[in-house]
C-alpha cells in the first residue's frame, strides 16, 4: 500500500517495494550506457540505450529479469545511499538520498505519467538502442551527451 506523500515522510530504506517502484519517474536515463573517468570518477552519459529499454515507453521491457539478462544492470534497492551519485541529478532516488524534494514534473507530484516526457526530462526521442549502432569501447566517447544532468 502506498501512503499519500510517502516520499516526504519516509527515508529510502523505510519504503516498501511498491513505494520504491513508484519513485521511478520513467525517464529511462539509468538505462543509458555510461562512461566513468577512472581518474576523477566523473560519470558521462551516452545516447546509447540498453537493448531492453522500450524507446517509446522509456521502460525496461524485461524489468523482472533485467539483472539476469544484463550483467551490468544495477539494482538500486541494493545500493548504499552514498552510491547514488551516478544517477542523473533529476532522479528521485538520488534526490531523496540527498534530502532534496522531487521536481514538479515528477509523476508522483504532477499526477501524470507523461509529465516527465512533457517536461523534456526523459530519453524519449533522444537515444538509440545499442543494437542499432556499431560501437566498441573506443567509439563510445563519440556518443557522450550533455543533456543529462
C-alpha atoms as a PDB file:
ATOM      1  CA  UNK A   1       0.000   0.000   0.000  1.00  0.00           C
ATOM      2  CA  UNK A   2       1.226   3.477  -0.882  1.00  0.00           C
ATOM      3  CA  UNK A   3       0.694   6.305   1.580  1.00  0.00           C
ATOM      4  CA  UNK A   4      -0.013   9.812   0.287  1.00  0.00           C
ATOM      5  CA  UNK A   5       3.173  11.879   0.005  1.00  0.00           C
ATOM      6  CA  UNK A   6       5.236   8.934   1.319  1.00  0.00           C
ATOM      7  CA  UNK A   7       8.416  10.346  -0.239  1.00  0.00           C
ATOM      8  CA  UNK A   8       8.122  13.375   2.048  1.00  0.00           C
ATOM      9  CA  UNK A   9       7.736  11.373   5.250  1.00  0.00           C
ATOM     10  CA  UNK A  10       9.951   8.306   4.710  1.00  0.00           C
ATOM     11  CA  UNK A  11      13.619   7.777   4.023  1.00  0.00           C
ATOM     12  CA  UNK A  12      14.534   5.425   1.161  1.00  0.00           C
ATOM     13  CA  UNK A  13      15.345   2.446   3.428  1.00  0.00           C
ATOM     14  CA  UNK A  14      11.925   2.770   5.114  1.00  0.00           C
ATOM     15  CA  UNK A  15       9.925   2.448   1.878  1.00  0.00           C
ATOM     16  CA  UNK A  16       8.116  -0.721   0.917  1.00  0.00           C
ATOM     17  CA  UNK A  17       8.620  -2.208  -2.547  1.00  0.00           C
ATOM     18  CA  UNK A  18       5.508  -0.561  -4.007  1.00  0.00           C
ATOM     19  CA  UNK A  19       6.605   2.876  -2.795  1.00  0.00           C
ATOM     20  CA  UNK A  20      10.148   2.217  -4.002  1.00  0.00           C
ATOM     21  CA  UNK A  21       8.972   1.358  -7.518  1.00  0.00           C
ATOM     22  CA  UNK A  22       6.640   4.384  -7.593  1.00  0.00           C
ATOM     23  CA  UNK A  23       9.671   6.671  -7.211  1.00  0.00           C
ATOM     24  CA  UNK A  24      10.846   5.845 -10.721  1.00  0.00           C
ATOM     25  CA  UNK A  25       9.770   8.709 -12.980  1.00  0.00           C
ATOM     26  CA  UNK A  26      10.204   6.682 -16.174  1.00  0.00           C
ATOM     27  CA  UNK A  27      12.854   8.933 -17.695  1.00  0.00           C
ATOM     28  CA  UNK A  28      14.969   5.991 -18.926  1.00  0.00           C
ATOM     29  CA  UNK A  29      18.288   7.720 -18.196  1.00  0.00           C
ATOM     30  CA  UNK A  30      19.519   4.943 -15.919  1.00  0.00           C
ATOM     31  CA  UNK A  31      19.275   2.583 -18.921  1.00  0.00           C
ATOM     32  CA  UNK A  32      21.787   4.581 -20.939  1.00  0.00           C
ATOM     33  CA  UNK A  33      25.354   3.366 -21.327  1.00  0.00           C
ATOM     34  CA  UNK A  34      27.724   5.416 -19.223  1.00  0.00           C
ATOM     35  CA  UNK A  35      31.444   6.048 -19.167  1.00  0.00           C
ATOM     36  CA  UNK A  36      33.365   6.728 -15.982  1.00  0.00           C
ATOM     37  CA  UNK A  37      36.594   8.682 -15.856  1.00  0.00           C
ATOM     38  CA  UNK A  38      38.891   6.424 -13.848  1.00  0.00           C
ATOM     39  CA  UNK A  39      40.915   9.359 -12.523  1.00  0.00           C
ATOM     40  CA  UNK A  40      38.144  11.742 -11.484  1.00  0.00           C
ATOM     41  CA  UNK A  41      35.234   9.331 -11.021  1.00  0.00           C
ATOM     42  CA  UNK A  42      33.046  11.583 -13.205  1.00  0.00           C
ATOM     43  CA  UNK A  43      30.227   9.757 -14.974  1.00  0.00           C
ATOM     44  CA  UNK A  44      29.330  10.603 -18.581  1.00  0.00           C
ATOM     45  CA  UNK A  45      26.061   9.516 -20.158  1.00  0.00           C
ATOM     46  CA  UNK A  46      25.812   8.427 -23.771  1.00  0.00           C
ATOM     47  CA  UNK A  47      22.870   8.434 -26.176  1.00  0.00           C
ATOM     48  CA  UNK A  48      23.083   4.638 -26.419  1.00  0.00           C
ATOM     49  CA  UNK A  49      20.321   2.800 -24.577  1.00  0.00           C
ATOM     50  CA  UNK A  50      20.272  -0.762 -23.320  1.00  0.00           C
ATOM     51  CA  UNK A  51      18.680  -3.098 -25.851  1.00  0.00           C
ATOM     52  CA  UNK A  52      15.952  -3.894 -23.320  1.00  0.00           C
ATOM     53  CA  UNK A  53      14.761  -0.290 -22.998  1.00  0.00           C
ATOM     54  CA  UNK A  54      11.489   0.329 -24.826  1.00  0.00           C
ATOM     55  CA  UNK A  55      12.371   3.591 -26.579  1.00  0.00           C
ATOM     56  CA  UNK A  56       8.714   4.673 -26.867  1.00  0.00           C
ATOM     57  CA  UNK A  57       7.741   3.991 -23.249  1.00  0.00           C
ATOM     58  CA  UNK A  58      11.154   4.642 -21.631  1.00  0.00           C
ATOM     59  CA  UNK A  59      10.717   1.495 -19.551  1.00  0.00           C
ATOM     60  CA  UNK A  60      12.604  -1.785 -19.408  1.00  0.00           C
ATOM     61  CA  UNK A  61      10.902  -4.464 -21.475  1.00  0.00           C
ATOM     62  CA  UNK A  62      12.276  -7.180 -19.182  1.00  0.00           C
ATOM     63  CA  UNK A  63      12.273  -5.424 -15.826  1.00  0.00           C
ATOM     64  CA  UNK A  64      11.831  -8.530 -13.660  1.00  0.00           C
ATOM     65  CA  UNK A  65      14.707 -10.312 -15.408  1.00  0.00           C
ATOM     66  CA  UNK A  66      16.951  -7.298 -16.058  1.00  0.00           C
ATOM     67  CA  UNK A  67      19.758  -8.306 -13.705  1.00  0.00           C
ATOM     68  CA  UNK A  68      19.953 -11.770 -15.239  1.00  0.00           C
ATOM     69  CA  UNK A  69      19.836 -10.506 -18.831  1.00  0.00           C
ATOM     70  CA  UNK A  70      22.286  -7.617 -18.435  1.00  0.00           C
ATOM     71  CA  UNK A  71      25.275  -8.290 -16.213  1.00  0.00           C
ATOM     72  CA  UNK A  72      25.945  -4.600 -15.545  1.00  0.00           C
ATOM     73  CA  UNK A  73      22.351  -3.665 -14.722  1.00  0.00           C
ATOM     74  CA  UNK A  74      22.303  -2.097 -11.256  1.00  0.00           C
ATOM     75  CA  UNK A  75      19.604  -2.929  -8.751  1.00  0.00           C
ATOM     76  CA  UNK A  76      19.047   0.348  -6.971  1.00  0.00           C
ATOM     77  CA  UNK A  77      17.460  -1.255  -3.924  1.00  0.00           C
ATOM     78  CA  UNK A  78      20.707  -2.992  -3.039  1.00  0.00           C
ATOM     79  CA  UNK A  79      22.820   0.163  -3.081  1.00  0.00           C
ATOM     80  CA  UNK A  80      24.045   2.170  -0.137  1.00  0.00           C
ATOM     81  CA  UNK A  81      22.761   5.754  -0.111  1.00  0.00           C
ATOM     82  CA  UNK A  82      26.197   7.174  -0.928  1.00  0.00           C
ATOM     83  CA  UNK A  83      26.286   5.164  -4.162  1.00  0.00           C
ATOM     84  CA  UNK A  84      23.519   7.093  -5.940  1.00  0.00           C
ATOM     85  CA  UNK A  85      25.976   9.687  -7.293  1.00  0.00           C
ATOM     86  CA  UNK A  86      25.969   8.134 -10.775  1.00  0.00           C
ATOM     87  CA  UNK A  87      22.240   8.627 -11.242  1.00  0.00           C
ATOM     88  CA  UNK A  88      21.074  11.793 -13.015  1.00  0.00           C
ATOM     89  CA  UNK A  89      20.574  14.851 -10.822  1.00  0.00           C
ATOM     90  CA  UNK A  90      16.865  14.665 -11.667  1.00  0.00           C
ATOM     91  CA  UNK A  91      16.416  11.082 -10.407  1.00  0.00           C
ATOM     92  CA  UNK A  92      14.075  10.680  -7.420  1.00  0.00           C
ATOM     93  CA  UNK A  93      16.326   8.091  -5.796  1.00  0.00           C
ATOM     94  CA  UNK A  94      19.300  10.422  -5.939  1.00  0.00           C
ATOM     95  CA  UNK A  95      17.278  13.462  -4.886  1.00  0.00           C
ATOM     96  CA  UNK A  96      15.824  11.708  -1.857  1.00  0.00           C
ATOM     97  CA  UNK A  97      19.185  10.211  -0.901  1.00  0.00           C
ATOM     98  CA  UNK A  98      20.473  13.815  -0.833  1.00  0.00           C
ATOM     99  CA  UNK A  99      17.407  15.075   1.119  1.00  0.00           C
ATOM    100  CA  UNK A 100      16.151  17.089  -1.869  1.00  0.00           C
ATOM    101  CA  UNK A 101      12.489  17.426  -2.985  1.00  0.00           C
ATOM    102  CA  UNK A 102      11.069  15.896  -6.151  1.00  0.00           C
ATOM    103  CA  UNK A 103      10.591  18.156  -9.161  1.00  0.00           C
ATOM    104  CA  UNK A 104       7.115  19.390 -10.129  1.00  0.00           C
ATOM    105  CA  UNK A 105       7.156  17.248 -13.290  1.00  0.00           C
ATOM    106  CA  UNK A 106       7.689  14.014 -11.331  1.00  0.00           C
ATOM    107  CA  UNK A 107       4.610  11.789 -11.818  1.00  0.00           C
ATOM    108  CA  UNK A 108       4.085  11.493  -8.036  1.00  0.00           C
ATOM    109  CA  UNK A 109       3.880  15.281  -7.802  1.00  0.00           C
ATOM    110  CA  UNK A 110       2.138  16.073 -11.105  1.00  0.00           C
ATOM    111  CA  UNK A 111      -0.259  13.122 -11.062  1.00  0.00           C
ATOM    112  CA  UNK A 112       0.578  12.318 -14.695  1.00  0.00           C
ATOM    113  CA  UNK A 113       2.887   9.590 -16.023  1.00  0.00           C
ATOM    114  CA  UNK A 114       3.507  11.745 -19.103  1.00  0.00           C
ATOM    115  CA  UNK A 115       4.772  14.809 -17.248  1.00  0.00           C
ATOM    116  CA  UNK A 116       8.378  13.557 -17.337  1.00  0.00           C
ATOM    117  CA  UNK A 117       8.159  13.395 -21.149  1.00  0.00           C
ATOM    118  CA  UNK A 118       6.270  16.690 -21.485  1.00  0.00           C
ATOM    119  CA  UNK A 119       8.959  18.428 -19.411  1.00  0.00           C
ATOM    120  CA  UNK A 120      11.656  17.077 -21.748  1.00  0.00           C
ATOM    121  CA  UNK A 121      13.362  15.157 -18.954  1.00  0.00           C
ATOM    122  CA  UNK A 122      13.105  11.663 -20.431  1.00  0.00           C
ATOM    123  CA  UNK A 123      15.142   9.970 -23.163  1.00  0.00           C
ATOM    124  CA  UNK A 124      12.067   9.809 -25.400  1.00  0.00           C
ATOM    125  CA  UNK A 125      13.129  10.508 -28.994  1.00  0.00           C
ATOM    126  CA  UNK A 126      16.723  11.266 -27.995  1.00  0.00           C
ATOM    127  CA  UNK A 127      18.567   7.929 -27.921  1.00  0.00           C
ATOM    128  CA  UNK A 128      19.382   4.875 -29.988  1.00  0.00           C
ATOM    129  CA  UNK A 129      19.307   1.221 -28.994  1.00  0.00           C
ATOM    130  CA  UNK A 130      22.692  -0.424 -28.524  1.00  0.00           C
ATOM    131  CA  UNK A 131      21.923  -2.967 -31.259  1.00  0.00           C
ATOM    132  CA  UNK A 132      21.429  -0.214 -33.842  1.00  0.00           C
ATOM    133  CA  UNK A 133      24.943   1.219 -33.671  1.00  0.00           C
ATOM    134  CA  UNK A 134      28.349  -0.326 -34.228  1.00  0.00           C
ATOM    135  CA  UNK A 135      30.281   0.697 -31.174  1.00  0.00           C
ATOM    136  CA  UNK A 136      33.133  -0.600 -29.114  1.00  0.00           C
ATOM    137  CA  UNK A 137      34.765   0.866 -26.041  1.00  0.00           C
ATOM    138  CA  UNK A 138      36.887   3.273 -28.098  1.00  0.00           C
ATOM    139  CA  UNK A 139      33.949   4.633 -30.101  1.00  0.00           C
ATOM    140  CA  UNK A 140      31.633   5.118 -27.108  1.00  0.00           C
ATOM    141  CA  UNK A 141      33.137   8.559 -26.400  1.00  0.00           C
ATOM    142  CA  UNK A 142      31.548   9.780 -29.644  1.00  0.00           C
ATOM    143  CA  UNK A 143      28.137   9.098 -28.082  1.00  0.00           C
ATOM    144  CA  UNK A 144      28.629  11.147 -24.911  1.00  0.00           C
ATOM    145  CA  UNK A 145      25.775  13.608 -24.405  1.00  0.00           C
ATOM    146  CA  UNK A 146      25.438  16.792 -22.389  1.00  0.00           C
ATOM    147  CA  UNK A 147      21.659  16.943 -21.901  1.00  0.00           C
ATOM    148  CA  UNK A 148      21.622  14.536 -18.950  1.00  0.00           C
ATOM    149  CA  UNK A 149      22.132  16.466 -15.744  1.00  0.00           C
END
